[in-house]
Structures are given as structure tokens and as C-alpha cells.
């Protein structure tokens, strides 16, 4: 199994390895190098709290307006009609 480093020297851990180690978003891993120069990756015992997924931008804005505009009033205001 091989992978290519990105321009930022990052590499994606292959799916088979992630599944075997039980890794997912927010998981932390430990790296080591043995006497033969092989890389060892282990699931870390530390955990990073996961941020809740961002709500849809429209959902975040829903219910925030305090002024009840009628469409024709808003259009007059935006167009500068007097």
C-alpha cells in the first residue's frame, strides 16, 4: 500500500488502515520509527472533542430578522423609490 505526499507534506491514511485502527475524524494517532526504519502508527489514547457539524447557512439565519418587511416595501427601500 502506498500514498503520495501533498504539497504540504501530508498523506492520507488508507481506508483499510483507518478501519483497522478504528480511526475517524478527530482521532489522534501516534507515530514511531523502529530499528529497521519502519514507521509505526498507533491510535492515540488522547481524544480531541469533535465540533458539532456546521448548520446550513440559511438555517443559521432563519428566525433572526426582527423587522417584518413586505416585499414591495423592501423593494422600494432597496431601489431608493420615494
C-alpha atoms as a PDB file:
ATOM      1  CA  UNK A   1       0.000   0.000   0.000  1.00  0.00           C
ATOM      2  CA  UNK A   2       1.451   3.381  -0.934  1.00  0.00           C
ATOM      3  CA  UNK A   3       0.442   7.034  -0.793  1.00  0.00           C
ATOM      4  CA  UNK A   4       1.795  10.321  -2.138  1.00  0.00           C
ATOM      5  CA  UNK A   5       2.699  13.359  -0.066  1.00  0.00           C
ATOM      6  CA  UNK A   6       0.767  16.542  -0.833  1.00  0.00           C
ATOM      7  CA  UNK A   7       2.457  19.915  -1.357  1.00  0.00           C
ATOM      8  CA  UNK A   8       2.094  20.424   2.418  1.00  0.00           C
ATOM      9  CA  UNK A   9       3.841  17.072   3.085  1.00  0.00           C
ATOM     10  CA  UNK A  10       0.581  15.488   4.238  1.00  0.00           C
ATOM     11  CA  UNK A  11      -0.595  11.993   3.416  1.00  0.00           C
ATOM     12  CA  UNK A  12      -3.998  10.328   3.598  1.00  0.00           C
ATOM     13  CA  UNK A  13      -4.112   7.239   5.782  1.00  0.00           C
ATOM     14  CA  UNK A  14      -5.549   4.467   3.586  1.00  0.00           C
ATOM     15  CA  UNK A  15      -9.116   3.382   4.365  1.00  0.00           C
ATOM     16  CA  UNK A  16      -8.095  -0.189   5.259  1.00  0.00           C
ATOM     17  CA  UNK A  17      -5.664   1.152   7.909  1.00  0.00           C
ATOM     18  CA  UNK A  18      -8.230   3.668   9.258  1.00  0.00           C
ATOM     19  CA  UNK A  19     -10.830   0.926   9.585  1.00  0.00           C
ATOM     20  CA  UNK A  20      -8.378  -1.489  11.227  1.00  0.00           C
ATOM     21  CA  UNK A  21      -7.334   1.113  13.806  1.00  0.00           C
ATOM     22  CA  UNK A  22     -10.848   2.496  14.246  1.00  0.00           C
ATOM     23  CA  UNK A  23      -9.796   5.996  13.148  1.00  0.00           C
ATOM     24  CA  UNK A  24     -12.236   8.685  12.157  1.00  0.00           C
ATOM     25  CA  UNK A  25     -12.456  12.480  12.012  1.00  0.00           C
ATOM     26  CA  UNK A  26     -10.914  13.956  15.145  1.00  0.00           C
ATOM     27  CA  UNK A  27      -8.949  10.783  16.002  1.00  0.00           C
ATOM     28  CA  UNK A  28      -5.375  11.284  17.131  1.00  0.00           C
ATOM     29  CA  UNK A  29      -2.524   8.974  16.179  1.00  0.00           C
ATOM     30  CA  UNK A  30       1.000   8.386  17.449  1.00  0.00           C
ATOM     31  CA  UNK A  31       3.928   7.774  15.078  1.00  0.00           C
ATOM     32  CA  UNK A  32       7.131   5.871  15.815  1.00  0.00           C
ATOM     33  CA  UNK A  33      10.116   4.556  13.866  1.00  0.00           C
ATOM     34  CA  UNK A  34      11.502   1.106  14.697  1.00  0.00           C
ATOM     35  CA  UNK A  35      15.140  -0.085  14.458  1.00  0.00           C
ATOM     36  CA  UNK A  36      14.692  -1.087  10.795  1.00  0.00           C
ATOM     37  CA  UNK A  37      13.373   2.390   9.870  1.00  0.00           C
ATOM     38  CA  UNK A  38       9.744   1.255   9.561  1.00  0.00           C
ATOM     39  CA  UNK A  39       7.039   3.683  10.531  1.00  0.00           C
ATOM     40  CA  UNK A  40       4.588   2.557  13.190  1.00  0.00           C
ATOM     41  CA  UNK A  41       1.230   4.272  13.548  1.00  0.00           C
ATOM     42  CA  UNK A  42      -0.976   3.705  16.590  1.00  0.00           C
ATOM     43  CA  UNK A  43      -4.319   5.081  17.621  1.00  0.00           C
ATOM     44  CA  UNK A  44      -3.605   7.526  20.425  1.00  0.00           C
ATOM     45  CA  UNK A  45      -5.347   7.271  23.764  1.00  0.00           C
ATOM     46  CA  UNK A  46      -5.953  11.038  23.662  1.00  0.00           C
ATOM     47  CA  UNK A  47      -9.108  12.347  22.133  1.00  0.00           C
ATOM     48  CA  UNK A  48      -9.967  15.706  20.641  1.00  0.00           C
ATOM     49  CA  UNK A  49     -13.512  16.898  21.240  1.00  0.00           C
ATOM     50  CA  UNK A  50     -15.449  16.944  17.988  1.00  0.00           C
ATOM     51  CA  UNK A  51     -17.108  20.158  16.945  1.00  0.00           C
ATOM     52  CA  UNK A  52     -20.753  19.766  16.030  1.00  0.00           C
ATOM     53  CA  UNK A  53     -21.275  19.997  12.270  1.00  0.00           C
ATOM     54  CA  UNK A  54     -21.984  23.491  10.987  1.00  0.00           C
ATOM     55  CA  UNK A  55     -25.614  24.138  10.324  1.00  0.00           C
ATOM     56  CA  UNK A  56     -26.723  25.179   6.886  1.00  0.00           C
ATOM     57  CA  UNK A  57     -26.105  28.926   6.395  1.00  0.00           C
ATOM     58  CA  UNK A  58     -29.796  29.501   5.736  1.00  0.00           C
ATOM     59  CA  UNK A  59     -30.752  27.539   8.843  1.00  0.00           C
ATOM     60  CA  UNK A  60     -28.387  29.734  10.916  1.00  0.00           C
ATOM     61  CA  UNK A  61     -30.118  32.874   9.602  1.00  0.00           C
ATOM     62  CA  UNK A  62     -33.662  31.572   9.979  1.00  0.00           C
ATOM     63  CA  UNK A  63     -35.681  33.458  12.554  1.00  0.00           C
ATOM     64  CA  UNK A  64     -33.103  36.224  13.066  1.00  0.00           C
ATOM     65  CA  UNK A  65     -34.950  39.106  11.382  1.00  0.00           C
ATOM     66  CA  UNK A  66     -36.819  41.377  13.749  1.00  0.00           C
ATOM     67  CA  UNK A  67     -38.411  43.620  11.110  1.00  0.00           C
ATOM     68  CA  UNK A  68     -41.342  42.219   9.156  1.00  0.00           C
ATOM     69  CA  UNK A  69     -40.828  43.621   5.640  1.00  0.00           C
ATOM     70  CA  UNK A  70     -43.360  43.265   2.930  1.00  0.00           C
ATOM     71  CA  UNK A  71     -41.763  42.554  -0.430  1.00  0.00           C
ATOM     72  CA  UNK A  72     -42.994  45.753  -2.097  1.00  0.00           C
ATOM     73  CA  UNK A  73     -41.782  47.874   0.865  1.00  0.00           C
ATOM     74  CA  UNK A  74     -38.357  46.236   0.785  1.00  0.00           C
ATOM     75  CA  UNK A  75     -38.041  46.679  -2.986  1.00  0.00           C
ATOM     76  CA  UNK A  76     -38.898  50.410  -2.673  1.00  0.00           C
ATOM     77  CA  UNK A  77     -36.279  50.791   0.046  1.00  0.00           C
ATOM     78  CA  UNK A  78     -33.596  48.942  -1.940  1.00  0.00           C
ATOM     79  CA  UNK A  79     -34.339  50.833  -5.166  1.00  0.00           C
ATOM     80  CA  UNK A  80     -34.491  54.199  -3.462  1.00  0.00           C
ATOM     81  CA  UNK A  81     -38.050  54.821  -4.605  1.00  0.00           C
ATOM     82  CA  UNK A  82     -39.839  57.505  -2.606  1.00  0.00           C
END
